[in-house]
Amino acid sequence: MSDYGIVLTTFGSSEQARPVIDAIINCKLAACVQEVNIKSHYIWKDDYYHDNEVLVLFKTRKSLYQELEKKLIELHPHETPEIIMVDISAGYANYLAWINEQVKSI
């Protein structure tokens, strides 16, 4: 088990995601952020949706999760955004060290 994780959320477009990504990077809450175009299928308020979305992955230290979650909730345009953390159980030590160097200290 490592001290690192990947926080996932989705946006309707890269344009929606960009200011949030910039804020997270500038606050040093994530070392690296990736965007992936996806197709989401879900029920929201009794309606079924098939939407093109952007999945955003934030590489960070697990100890920063609460602060990152708070910032995402503050800035995210969705009423109930997907915000989940996936544990990085193992990884290349040099890459994990780089993450640690890029994010803020607690």
PDB file of N, CA and C in Angstrom:
ATOM      1  N   MET A   1       0.851  -1.174   0.000  1.00  0.00           N
ATOM      2  CA  MET A   1       0.000   0.000   0.000  1.00  0.00           C
ATOM      3  C   MET A   1       0.897   1.237   0.000  1.00  0.00           C
ATOM      4  N   SER A   2       0.552   2.196  -0.839  1.00  0.00           N
ATOM      5  CA  SER A   2       1.351   3.416  -0.916  1.00  0.00           C
ATOM      6  C   SER A   2       0.585   4.585  -0.294  1.00  0.00           C
ATOM      7  N   ASP A   3       1.225   5.724  -0.270  1.00  0.00           N
ATOM      8  CA  ASP A   3       0.624   6.950   0.256  1.00  0.00           C
ATOM      9  C   ASP A   3      -0.054   7.756  -0.835  1.00  0.00           C
ATOM     10  N   TYR A   4      -0.251   7.159  -2.019  1.00  0.00           N
ATOM     11  CA  TYR A   4      -0.716   7.903  -3.181  1.00  0.00           C
ATOM     12  C   TYR A   4      -2.026   7.354  -3.719  1.00  0.00           C
ATOM     13  N   GLY A   5      -2.751   8.217  -4.432  1.00  0.00           N
ATOM     14  CA  GLY A   5      -4.008   7.809  -5.019  1.00  0.00           C
ATOM     15  C   GLY A   5      -4.318   8.632  -6.250  1.00  0.00           C
ATOM     16  N   ILE A   6      -5.357   8.207  -6.956  1.00  0.00           N
ATOM     17  CA  ILE A   6      -5.852   8.917  -8.127  1.00  0.00           C
ATOM     18  C   ILE A   6      -7.293   9.303  -7.829  1.00  0.00           C
ATOM     19  N   VAL A   7      -7.576  10.593  -7.883  1.00  0.00           N
ATOM     20  CA  VAL A   7      -8.930  11.097  -7.673  1.00  0.00           C
ATOM     21  C   VAL A   7      -9.560  11.289  -9.046  1.00  0.00           C
ATOM     22  N   LEU A   8     -10.768  10.758  -9.212  1.00  0.00           N
ATOM     23  CA  LEU A   8     -11.472  10.830 -10.484  1.00  0.00           C
ATOM     24  C   LEU A   8     -12.704  11.710 -10.365  1.00  0.00           C
ATOM     25  N   THR A   9     -12.967  12.468 -11.415  1.00  0.00           N
ATOM     26  CA  THR A   9     -14.212  13.205 -11.546  1.00  0.00           C
ATOM     27  C   THR A   9     -14.504  13.348 -13.030  1.00  0.00           C
ATOM     28  N   THR A  10     -15.705  13.803 -13.369  1.00  0.00           N
ATOM     29  CA  THR A  10     -16.068  13.996 -14.770  1.00  0.00           C
ATOM     30  C   THR A  10     -16.616  15.399 -14.980  1.00  0.00           C
ATOM     31  N   PHE A  11     -16.466  15.860 -16.217  1.00  0.00           N
ATOM     32  CA  PHE A  11     -16.993  17.150 -16.650  1.00  0.00           C
ATOM     33  C   PHE A  11     -17.669  16.961 -18.001  1.00  0.00           C
ATOM     34  N   GLY A  12     -18.511  17.906 -18.359  1.00  0.00           N
ATOM     35  CA  GLY A  12     -19.186  17.853 -19.647  1.00  0.00           C
ATOM     36  C   GLY A  12     -18.269  18.126 -20.824  1.00  0.00           C
ATOM     37  N   SER A  13     -17.160  18.816 -20.576  1.00  0.00           N
ATOM     38  CA  SER A  13     -16.233  19.159 -21.655  1.00  0.00           C
ATOM     39  C   SER A  13     -14.879  19.547 -21.076  1.00  0.00           C
ATOM     40  N   SER A  14     -13.883  19.590 -21.940  1.00  0.00           N
ATOM     41  CA  SER A  14     -12.559  20.066 -21.525  1.00  0.00           C
ATOM     42  C   SER A  14     -12.619  21.529 -21.103  1.00  0.00           C
ATOM     43  N   GLU A  15     -13.482  22.292 -21.760  1.00  0.00           N
ATOM     44  CA  GLU A  15     -13.621  23.706 -21.420  1.00  0.00           C
ATOM     45  C   GLU A  15     -14.134  23.883 -19.989  1.00  0.00           C
ATOM     46  N   GLN A  16     -15.059  23.025 -19.562  1.00  0.00           N
ATOM     47  CA  GLN A  16     -15.547  23.056 -18.173  1.00  0.00           C
ATOM     48  C   GLN A  16     -14.458  22.619 -17.213  1.00  0.00           C
ATOM     49  N   ALA A  17     -13.682  21.635 -17.612  1.00  0.00           N
ATOM     50  CA  ALA A  17     -12.675  21.051 -16.723  1.00  0.00           C
ATOM     51  C   ALA A  17     -11.470  21.958 -16.518  1.00  0.00           C
ATOM     52  N   ARG A  18     -11.084  22.701 -17.539  1.00  0.00           N
ATOM     53  CA  ARG A  18      -9.810  23.432 -17.523  1.00  0.00           C
ATOM     54  C   ARG A  18      -9.629  24.370 -16.334  1.00  0.00           C
ATOM     55  N   PRO A  19     -10.600  25.244 -15.998  1.00  0.00           N
ATOM     56  CA  PRO A  19     -10.361  26.133 -14.852  1.00  0.00           C
ATOM     57  C   PRO A  19     -10.230  25.376 -13.529  1.00  0.00           C
ATOM     58  N   VAL A  20     -10.927  24.266 -13.411  1.00  0.00           N
ATOM     59  CA  VAL A  20     -10.833  23.454 -12.194  1.00  0.00           C
ATOM     60  C   VAL A  20      -9.456  22.793 -12.134  1.00  0.00           C
ATOM     61  N   ILE A  21      -9.024  22.234 -13.251  1.00  0.00           N
ATOM     62  CA  ILE A  21      -7.696  21.618 -13.314  1.00  0.00           C
ATOM     63  C   ILE A  21      -6.626  22.645 -12.959  1.00  0.00           C
ATOM     64  N   ASP A  22      -6.709  23.825 -13.551  1.00  0.00           N
ATOM     65  CA  ASP A  22      -5.721  24.872 -13.281  1.00  0.00           C
ATOM     66  C   ASP A  22      -5.683  25.230 -11.800  1.00  0.00           C
ATOM     67  N   ALA A  23      -6.854  25.345 -11.180  1.00  0.00           N
ATOM     68  CA  ALA A  23      -6.914  25.688  -9.754  1.00  0.00           C
ATOM     69  C   ALA A  23      -6.283  24.599  -8.899  1.00  0.00           C
ATOM     70  N   ILE A  24      -6.570  23.349  -9.214  1.00  0.00           N
ATOM     71  CA  ILE A  24      -6.027  22.228  -8.439  1.00  0.00           C
ATOM     72  C   ILE A  24      -4.503  22.179  -8.563  1.00  0.00           C
ATOM     73  N   ILE A  25      -3.997  22.341  -9.777  1.00  0.00           N
ATOM     74  CA  ILE A  25      -2.542  22.342  -9.982  1.00  0.00           C
ATOM     75  C   ILE A  25      -1.910  23.529  -9.260  1.00  0.00           C
ATOM     76  N   ASN A  26      -2.505  24.713  -9.401  1.00  0.00           N
ATOM     77  CA  ASN A  26      -1.946  25.916  -8.767  1.00  0.00           C
ATOM     78  C   ASN A  26      -1.961  25.844  -7.248  1.00  0.00           C
ATOM     79  N   CYS A  27      -2.920  25.114  -6.681  1.00  0.00           N
ATOM     80  CA  CYS A  27      -2.978  24.917  -5.225  1.00  0.00           C
ATOM     81  C   CYS A  27      -2.065  23.777  -4.770  1.00  0.00           C
ATOM     82  N   LYS A  28      -1.412  23.122  -5.733  1.00  0.00           N
ATOM     83  CA  LYS A  28      -0.508  21.998  -5.450  1.00  0.00           C
ATOM     84  C   LYS A  28      -1.226  20.830  -4.769  1.00  0.00           C
ATOM     85  N   LEU A  29      -2.481  20.611  -5.178  1.00  0.00           N
ATOM     86  CA  LEU A  29      -3.247  19.491  -4.646  1.00  0.00           C
ATOM     87  C   LEU A  29      -3.105  18.235  -5.503  1.00  0.00           C
ATOM     88  N   ALA A  30      -2.529  18.374  -6.684  1.00  0.00           N
ATOM     89  CA  ALA A  30      -2.251  17.233  -7.557  1.00  0.00           C
ATOM     90  C   ALA A  30      -0.971  17.520  -8.321  1.00  0.00           C
ATOM     91  N   ALA A  31      -0.217  16.465  -8.576  1.00  0.00           N
ATOM     92  CA  ALA A  31       1.044  16.605  -9.310  1.00  0.00           C
ATOM     93  C   ALA A  31       0.819  16.555 -10.813  1.00  0.00           C
ATOM     94  N   CYS A  32      -0.156  15.780 -11.221  1.00  0.00           N
ATOM     95  CA  CYS A  32      -0.420  15.561 -12.641  1.00  0.00           C
ATOM     96  C   CYS A  32      -1.918  15.356 -12.813  1.00  0.00           C
ATOM     97  N   VAL A  33      -2.447  15.889 -13.894  1.00  0.00           N
ATOM     98  CA  VAL A  33      -3.871  15.730 -14.183  1.00  0.00           C
ATOM     99  C   VAL A  33      -4.001  15.270 -15.633  1.00  0.00           C
ATOM    100  N   GLN A  34      -4.829  14.268 -15.841  1.00  0.00           N
ATOM    101  CA  GLN A  34      -5.067  13.760 -17.190  1.00  0.00           C
ATOM    102  C   GLN A  34      -6.544  13.854 -17.524  1.00  0.00           C
ATOM    103  N   GLU A  35      -6.828  14.109 -18.795  1.00  0.00           N
ATOM    104  CA  GLU A  35      -8.196  14.146 -19.309  1.00  0.00           C
ATOM    105  C   GLU A  35      -8.374  13.009 -20.314  1.00  0.00           C
ATOM    106  N   VAL A  36      -9.495  12.311 -20.212  1.00  0.00           N
ATOM    107  CA  VAL A  36      -9.805  11.220 -21.128  1.00  0.00           C
ATOM    108  C   VAL A  36     -11.249  11.391 -21.588  1.00  0.00           C
ATOM    109  N   ASN A  37     -11.480  11.395 -22.895  1.00  0.00           N
ATOM    110  CA  ASN A  37     -12.849  11.467 -23.409  1.00  0.00           C
ATOM    111  C   ASN A  37     -13.535  10.124 -23.187  1.00  0.00           C
ATOM    112  N   ILE A  38     -14.740  10.177 -22.630  1.00  0.00           N
ATOM    113  CA  ILE A  38     -15.488   8.952 -22.323  1.00  0.00           C
ATOM    114  C   ILE A  38     -16.951   9.126 -22.714  1.00  0.00           C
ATOM    115  N   LYS A  39     -17.680   8.035 -22.702  1.00  0.00           N
ATOM    116  CA  LYS A  39     -19.131   8.021 -22.872  1.00  0.00           C
ATOM    117  C   LYS A  39     -19.707   7.485 -21.569  1.00  0.00           C
ATOM    118  N   SER A  40     -20.562   8.274 -20.913  1.00  0.00           N
ATOM    119  CA  SER A  40     -21.163   7.865 -19.640  1.00  0.00           C
ATOM    120  C   SER A  40     -22.635   7.532 -19.834  1.00  0.00           C
ATOM    121  N   HIS A  41     -23.094   6.523 -19.105  1.00  0.00           N
ATOM    122  CA  HIS A  41     -24.488   6.076 -19.145  1.00  0.00           C
ATOM    123  C   HIS A  41     -24.967   6.046 -17.701  1.00  0.00           C
ATOM    124  N   TYR A  42     -26.020   6.789 -17.394  1.00  0.00           N
ATOM    125  CA  TYR A  42     -26.452   6.894 -16.004  1.00  0.00           C
ATOM    126  C   TYR A  42     -27.888   7.401 -15.918  1.00  0.00           C
ATOM    127  N   ILE A  43     -28.473   7.195 -14.747  1.00  0.00           N
ATOM    128  CA  ILE A  43     -29.805   7.729 -14.464  1.00  0.00           C
ATOM    129  C   ILE A  43     -29.635   8.896 -13.508  1.00  0.00           C
ATOM    130  N   TRP A  44     -30.257  10.027 -13.853  1.00  0.00           N
ATOM    131  CA  TRP A  44     -30.223  11.221 -13.008  1.00  0.00           C
ATOM    132  C   TRP A  44     -31.623  11.802 -12.966  1.00  0.00           C
ATOM    133  N   LYS A  45     -32.181  11.871 -11.758  1.00  0.00           N
ATOM    134  CA  LYS A  45     -33.533  12.408 -11.553  1.00  0.00           C
ATOM    135  C   LYS A  45     -34.540  11.727 -12.479  1.00  0.00           C
ATOM    136  N   ASP A  46     -34.483  10.403 -12.485  1.00  0.00           N
ATOM    137  CA  ASP A  46     -35.406   9.533 -13.221  1.00  0.00           C
ATOM    138  C   ASP A  46     -35.275   9.571 -14.739  1.00  0.00           C
ATOM    139  N   ASP A  47     -34.274  10.224 -15.264  1.00  0.00           N
ATOM    140  CA  ASP A  47     -34.032  10.223 -16.705  1.00  0.00           C
ATOM    141  C   ASP A  47     -32.729   9.480 -16.997  1.00  0.00           C
ATOM    142  N   TYR A  48     -32.729   8.745 -18.102  1.00  0.00           N
ATOM    143  CA  TYR A  48     -31.560   7.973 -18.512  1.00  0.00           C
ATOM    144  C   TYR A  48     -30.747   8.814 -19.495  1.00  0.00           C
ATOM    145  N   TYR A  49     -29.447   8.914 -19.229  1.00  0.00           N
ATOM    146  CA  TYR A  49     -28.562   9.735 -20.049  1.00  0.00           C
ATOM    147  C   TYR A  49     -27.445   8.891 -20.665  1.00  0.00           C
ATOM    148  N   HIS A  50     -27.038   9.286 -21.858  1.00  0.00           N
ATOM    149  CA  HIS A  50     -25.873   8.748 -22.572  1.00  0.00           C
ATOM    150  C   HIS A  50     -25.087   9.984 -23.002  1.00  0.00           C
ATOM    151  N   ASP A  51     -24.079  10.362 -22.233  1.00  0.00           N
ATOM    152  CA  ASP A  51     -23.381  11.625 -22.475  1.00  0.00           C
ATOM    153  C   ASP A  51     -21.908  11.433 -22.792  1.00  0.00           C
ATOM    154  N   ASN A  52     -21.418  12.276 -23.674  1.00  0.00           N
ATOM    155  CA  ASN A  52     -19.977  12.401 -23.859  1.00  0.00           C
ATOM    156  C   ASN A  52     -19.465  13.261 -22.714  1.00  0.00           C
ATOM    157  N   GLU A  53     -18.456  12.781 -22.028  1.00  0.00           N
ATOM    158  CA  GLU A  53     -17.891  13.516 -20.902  1.00  0.00           C
ATOM    159  C   GLU A  53     -16.369  13.435 -20.956  1.00  0.00           C
ATOM    160  N   VAL A  54     -15.754  14.185 -20.075  1.00  0.00           N
ATOM    161  CA  VAL A  54     -14.308  14.141 -19.907  1.00  0.00           C
ATOM    162  C   VAL A  54     -14.025  13.603 -18.511  1.00  0.00           C
ATOM    163  N   LEU A  55     -13.342  12.469 -18.446  1.00  0.00           N
ATOM    164  CA  LEU A  55     -12.903  11.893 -17.179  1.00  0.00           C
ATOM    165  C   LEU A  55     -11.579  12.556 -16.825  1.00  0.00           C
ATOM    166  N   VAL A  56     -11.497  13.113 -15.623  1.00  0.00           N
ATOM    167  CA  VAL A  56     -10.289  13.801 -15.185  1.00  0.00           C
ATOM    168  C   VAL A  56      -9.691  13.019 -14.022  1.00  0.00           C
ATOM    169  N   LEU A  57      -8.394  12.725 -14.131  1.00  0.00           N
ATOM    170  CA  LEU A  57      -7.678  11.951 -13.120  1.00  0.00           C
ATOM    171  C   LEU A  57      -6.603  12.826 -12.490  1.00  0.00           C
ATOM    172  N   PHE A  58      -6.661  12.960 -11.177  1.00  0.00           N
ATOM    173  CA  PHE A  58      -5.707  13.764 -10.419  1.00  0.00           C
ATOM    174  C   PHE A  58      -4.778  12.821  -9.658  1.00  0.00           C
ATOM    175  N   LYS A  59      -3.480  12.871  -9.927  1.00  0.00           N
ATOM    176  CA  LYS A  59      -2.508  12.063  -9.182  1.00  0.00           C
ATOM    177  C   LYS A  59      -2.064  12.873  -7.972  1.00  0.00           C
ATOM    178  N   THR A  60      -2.206  12.300  -6.775  1.00  0.00           N
ATOM    179  CA  THR A  60      -1.952  13.058  -5.557  1.00  0.00           C
ATOM    180  C   THR A  60      -1.537  12.145  -4.416  1.00  0.00           C
ATOM    181  N   ARG A  61      -1.284  12.753  -3.277  1.00  0.00           N
ATOM    182  CA  ARG A  61      -1.044  12.011  -2.041  1.00  0.00           C
ATOM    183  C   ARG A  61      -2.392  11.831  -1.349  1.00  0.00           C
ATOM    184  N   LYS A  62      -2.605  10.666  -0.766  1.00  0.00           N
ATOM    185  CA  LYS A  62      -3.882  10.391  -0.098  1.00  0.00           C
ATOM    186  C   LYS A  62      -4.177  11.382   1.018  1.00  0.00           C
ATOM    187  N   SER A  63      -3.152  11.886   1.667  1.00  0.00           N
ATOM    188  CA  SER A  63      -3.356  12.840   2.763  1.00  0.00           C
ATOM    189  C   SER A  63      -3.948  14.164   2.281  1.00  0.00           C
ATOM    190  N   LEU A  64      -3.929  14.422   0.978  1.00  0.00           N
ATOM    191  CA  LEU A  64      -4.504  15.651   0.426  1.00  0.00           C
ATOM    192  C   LEU A  64      -5.935  15.462  -0.068  1.00  0.00           C
ATOM    193  N   TYR A  65      -6.482  14.243   0.074  1.00  0.00           N
ATOM    194  CA  TYR A  65      -7.805  13.964  -0.486  1.00  0.00           C
ATOM    195  C   TYR A  65      -8.876  14.927   0.019  1.00  0.00           C
ATOM    196  N   GLN A  66      -8.993  15.123   1.314  1.00  0.00           N
ATOM    197  CA  GLN A  66     -10.072  15.962   1.852  1.00  0.00           C
ATOM    198  C   GLN A  66     -10.010  17.382   1.297  1.00  0.00           C
ATOM    199  N   GLU A  67      -8.818  17.942   1.219  1.00  0.00           N
ATOM    200  CA  GLU A  67      -8.663  19.297   0.692  1.00  0.00           C
ATOM    201  C   GLU A  67      -8.979  19.339  -0.807  1.00  0.00           C
ATOM    202  N   LEU A  68      -8.548  18.317  -1.526  1.00  0.00           N
ATOM    203  CA  LEU A  68      -8.843  18.236  -2.954  1.00  0.00           C
ATOM    204  C   LEU A  68     -10.341  18.076  -3.181  1.00  0.00           C
ATOM    205  N   GLU A  69     -10.987  17.211  -2.411  1.00  0.00           N
ATOM    206  CA  GLU A  69     -12.436  17.032  -2.524  1.00  0.00           C
ATOM    207  C   GLU A  69     -13.164  18.352  -2.269  1.00  0.00           C
ATOM    208  N   LYS A  70     -12.784  19.053  -1.227  1.00  0.00           N
ATOM    209  CA  LYS A  70     -13.419  20.337  -0.892  1.00  0.00           C
ATOM    210  C   LYS A  70     -13.283  21.329  -2.048  1.00  0.00           C
ATOM    211  N   LYS A  71     -12.104  21.409  -2.650  1.00  0.00           N
ATOM    212  CA  LYS A  71     -11.870  22.326  -3.770  1.00  0.00           C
ATOM    213  C   LYS A  71     -12.690  21.908  -4.987  1.00  0.00           C
ATOM    214  N   LEU A  72     -12.774  20.601  -5.250  1.00  0.00           N
ATOM    215  CA  LEU A  72     -13.585  20.132  -6.377  1.00  0.00           C
ATOM    216  C   LEU A  72     -15.054  20.476  -6.179  1.00  0.00           C
ATOM    217  N   ILE A  73     -15.576  20.261  -4.981  1.00  0.00           N
ATOM    218  CA  ILE A  73     -16.977  20.588  -4.706  1.00  0.00           C
ATOM    219  C   ILE A  73     -17.218  22.085  -4.890  1.00  0.00           C
ATOM    220  N   GLU A  74     -16.279  22.889  -4.435  1.00  0.00           N
ATOM    221  CA  GLU A  74     -16.395  24.349  -4.556  1.00  0.00           C
ATOM    222  C   GLU A  74     -16.438  24.801  -6.020  1.00  0.00           C
ATOM    223  N   LEU A  75     -15.638  24.178  -6.877  1.00  0.00           N
ATOM    224  CA  LEU A  75     -15.472  24.659  -8.251  1.00  0.00           C
ATOM    225  C   LEU A  75     -16.260  23.886  -9.305  1.00  0.00           C
ATOM    226  N   HIS A  76     -16.719  22.694  -8.977  1.00  0.00           N
ATOM    227  CA  HIS A  76     -17.337  21.820  -9.976  1.00  0.00           C
ATOM    228  C   HIS A  76     -18.713  22.335 -10.382  1.00  0.00           C
ATOM    229  N   PRO A  77     -19.026  22.313 -11.688  1.00  0.00           N
ATOM    230  CA  PRO A  77     -20.333  22.799 -12.131  1.00  0.00           C
ATOM    231  C   PRO A  77     -21.490  21.828 -11.880  1.00  0.00           C
ATOM    232  N   HIS A  78     -21.212  20.564 -11.604  1.00  0.00           N
ATOM    233  CA  HIS A  78     -22.288  19.590 -11.388  1.00  0.00           C
ATOM    234  C   HIS A  78     -22.869  19.711  -9.985  1.00  0.00           C
ATOM    235  N   GLU A  79     -24.151  19.443  -9.882  1.00  0.00           N
ATOM    236  CA  GLU A  79     -24.842  19.477  -8.588  1.00  0.00           C
ATOM    237  C   GLU A  79     -24.296  18.412  -7.639  1.00  0.00           C
ATOM    238  N   THR A  80     -24.081  17.216  -8.161  1.00  0.00           N
ATOM    239  CA  THR A  80     -23.532  16.103  -7.382  1.00  0.00           C
ATOM    240  C   THR A  80     -22.398  15.475  -8.192  1.00  0.00           C
ATOM    241  N   PRO A  81     -21.212  16.064  -8.130  1.00  0.00           N
ATOM    242  CA  PRO A  81     -20.123  15.539  -8.963  1.00  0.00           C
ATOM    243  C   PRO A  81     -19.603  14.197  -8.464  1.00  0.00           C
ATOM    244  N   GLU A  82     -19.184  13.385  -9.416  1.00  0.00           N
ATOM    245  CA  GLU A  82     -18.451  12.165  -9.080  1.00  0.00           C
ATOM    246  C   GLU A  82     -17.088  12.604  -8.556  1.00  0.00           C
ATOM    247  N   ILE A  83     -16.780  12.226  -7.336  1.00  0.00           N
ATOM    248  CA  ILE A  83     -15.449  12.463  -6.777  1.00  0.00           C
ATOM    249  C   ILE A  83     -15.087  11.214  -5.990  1.00  0.00           C
ATOM    250  N   ILE A  84     -14.172  10.427  -6.532  1.00  0.00           N
ATOM    251  CA  ILE A  84     -13.753   9.206  -5.850  1.00  0.00           C
ATOM    252  C   ILE A  84     -12.240   9.079  -5.923  1.00  0.00           C
ATOM    253  N   MET A  85     -11.679   8.428  -4.921  1.00  0.00           N
ATOM    254  CA  MET A  85     -10.240   8.174  -4.925  1.00  0.00           C
ATOM    255  C   MET A  85      -9.996   6.679  -5.083  1.00  0.00           C
ATOM    256  N   VAL A  86      -9.068   6.360  -5.962  1.00  0.00           N
ATOM    257  CA  VAL A  86      -8.612   4.991  -6.155  1.00  0.00           C
ATOM    258  C   VAL A  86      -7.192   4.916  -5.605  1.00  0.00           C
ATOM    259  N   ASP A  87      -6.957   3.963  -4.748  1.00  0.00           N
ATOM    260  CA  ASP A  87      -5.639   3.797  -4.141  1.00  0.00           C
ATOM    261  C   ASP A  87      -4.624   3.333  -5.179  1.00  0.00           C
ATOM    262  N   ILE A  88      -3.447   3.907  -5.140  1.00  0.00           N
ATOM    263  CA  ILE A  88      -2.324   3.388  -5.922  1.00  0.00           C
ATOM    264  C   ILE A  88      -1.621   2.389  -5.008  1.00  0.00           C
ATOM    265  N   SER A  89      -1.862   1.104  -5.238  1.00  0.00           N
ATOM    266  CA  SER A  89      -1.313   0.086  -4.338  1.00  0.00           C
ATOM    267  C   SER A  89       0.186  -0.090  -4.522  1.00  0.00           C
ATOM    268  N   ALA A  90       0.674   0.203  -5.712  1.00  0.00           N
ATOM    269  CA  ALA A  90       2.107   0.123  -5.998  1.00  0.00           C
ATOM    270  C   ALA A  90       2.380   0.983  -7.216  1.00  0.00           C
ATOM    271  N   GLY A  91       3.623   1.403  -7.359  1.00  0.00           N
ATOM    272  CA  GLY A  91       3.994   2.214  -8.516  1.00  0.00           C
ATOM    273  C   GLY A  91       5.497   2.394  -8.569  1.00  0.00           C
ATOM    274  N   TYR A  92       5.970   2.856  -9.703  1.00  0.00           N
ATOM    275  CA  TYR A  92       7.390   3.115  -9.904  1.00  0.00           C
ATOM    276  C   TYR A  92       7.843   4.133  -8.865  1.00  0.00           C
ATOM    277  N   ALA A  93       8.808   3.775  -8.048  1.00  0.00           N
ATOM    278  CA  ALA A  93       9.230   4.600  -6.908  1.00  0.00           C
ATOM    279  C   ALA A  93       9.631   6.008  -7.323  1.00  0.00           C
ATOM    280  N   ASN A  94      10.323   6.149  -8.440  1.00  0.00           N
ATOM    281  CA  ASN A  94      10.737   7.482  -8.884  1.00  0.00           C
ATOM    282  C   ASN A  94       9.539   8.350  -9.260  1.00  0.00           C
ATOM    283  N   TYR A  95       8.513   7.741  -9.858  1.00  0.00           N
ATOM    284  CA  TYR A  95       7.308   8.498 -10.211  1.00  0.00           C
ATOM    285  C   TYR A  95       6.556   8.920  -8.954  1.00  0.00           C
ATOM    286  N   LEU A  96       6.412   8.012  -8.011  1.00  0.00           N
ATOM    287  CA  LEU A  96       5.728   8.352  -6.764  1.00  0.00           C
ATOM    288  C   LEU A  96       6.486   9.437  -6.010  1.00  0.00           C
ATOM    289  N   ALA A  97       7.806   9.382  -6.033  1.00  0.00           N
ATOM    290  CA  ALA A  97       8.613  10.432  -5.398  1.00  0.00           C
ATOM    291  C   ALA A  97       8.383  11.770  -6.092  1.00  0.00           C
ATOM    292  N   TRP A  98       8.247  11.743  -7.414  1.00  0.00           N
ATOM    293  CA  TRP A  98       7.971  12.972  -8.161  1.00  0.00           C
ATOM    294  C   TRP A  98       6.622  13.559  -7.747  1.00  0.00           C
ATOM    295  N   ILE A  99       5.590  12.707  -7.615  1.00  0.00           N
ATOM    296  CA  ILE A  99       4.291  13.195  -7.134  1.00  0.00           C
ATOM    297  C   ILE A  99       4.485  13.902  -5.804  1.00  0.00           C
ATOM    298  N   ASN A 100       5.188  13.258  -4.903  1.00  0.00           N
ATOM    299  CA  ASN A 100       5.402  13.813  -3.568  1.00  0.00           C
ATOM    300  C   ASN A 100       6.087  15.177  -3.624  1.00  0.00           C
ATOM    301  N   GLU A 101       7.036  15.335  -4.534  1.00  0.00           N
ATOM    302  CA  GLU A 101       7.760  16.609  -4.666  1.00  0.00           C
ATOM    303  C   GLU A 101       6.883  17.723  -5.231  1.00  0.00           C
ATOM    304  N   GLN A 102       5.893  17.363  -6.040  1.00  0.00           N
ATOM    305  CA  GLN A 102       5.080  18.368  -6.729  1.00  0.00           C
ATOM    306  C   GLN A 102       3.908  18.889  -5.910  1.00  0.00           C
ATOM    307  N   VAL A 103       3.411  18.087  -4.984  1.00  0.00           N
ATOM    308  CA  VAL A 103       2.241  18.512  -4.213  1.00  0.00           C
ATOM    309  C   VAL A 103       2.674  19.181  -2.918  1.00  0.00           C
ATOM    310  N   LYS A 104       1.734  19.897  -2.336  1.00  0.00           N
ATOM    311  CA  LYS A 104       2.045  20.642  -1.116  1.00  0.00           C
ATOM    312  C   LYS A 104       2.308  19.720   0.058  1.00  0.00           C
ATOM    313  N   SER A 105       3.084  20.200   0.988  1.00  0.00           N
ATOM    314  CA  SER A 105       3.345  19.463   2.225  1.00  0.00           C
ATOM    315  C   SER A 105       2.239  19.773   3.213  1.00  0.00           C
ATOM    316  N   ILE A 106       1.963  18.809   4.058  1.00  0.00           N
ATOM    317  CA  ILE A 106       0.947  19.037   5.096  1.00  0.00           C
ATOM    318  C   ILE A 106       1.646  19.243   6.416  1.00  0.00           C
TER     319      ILE A 106
END
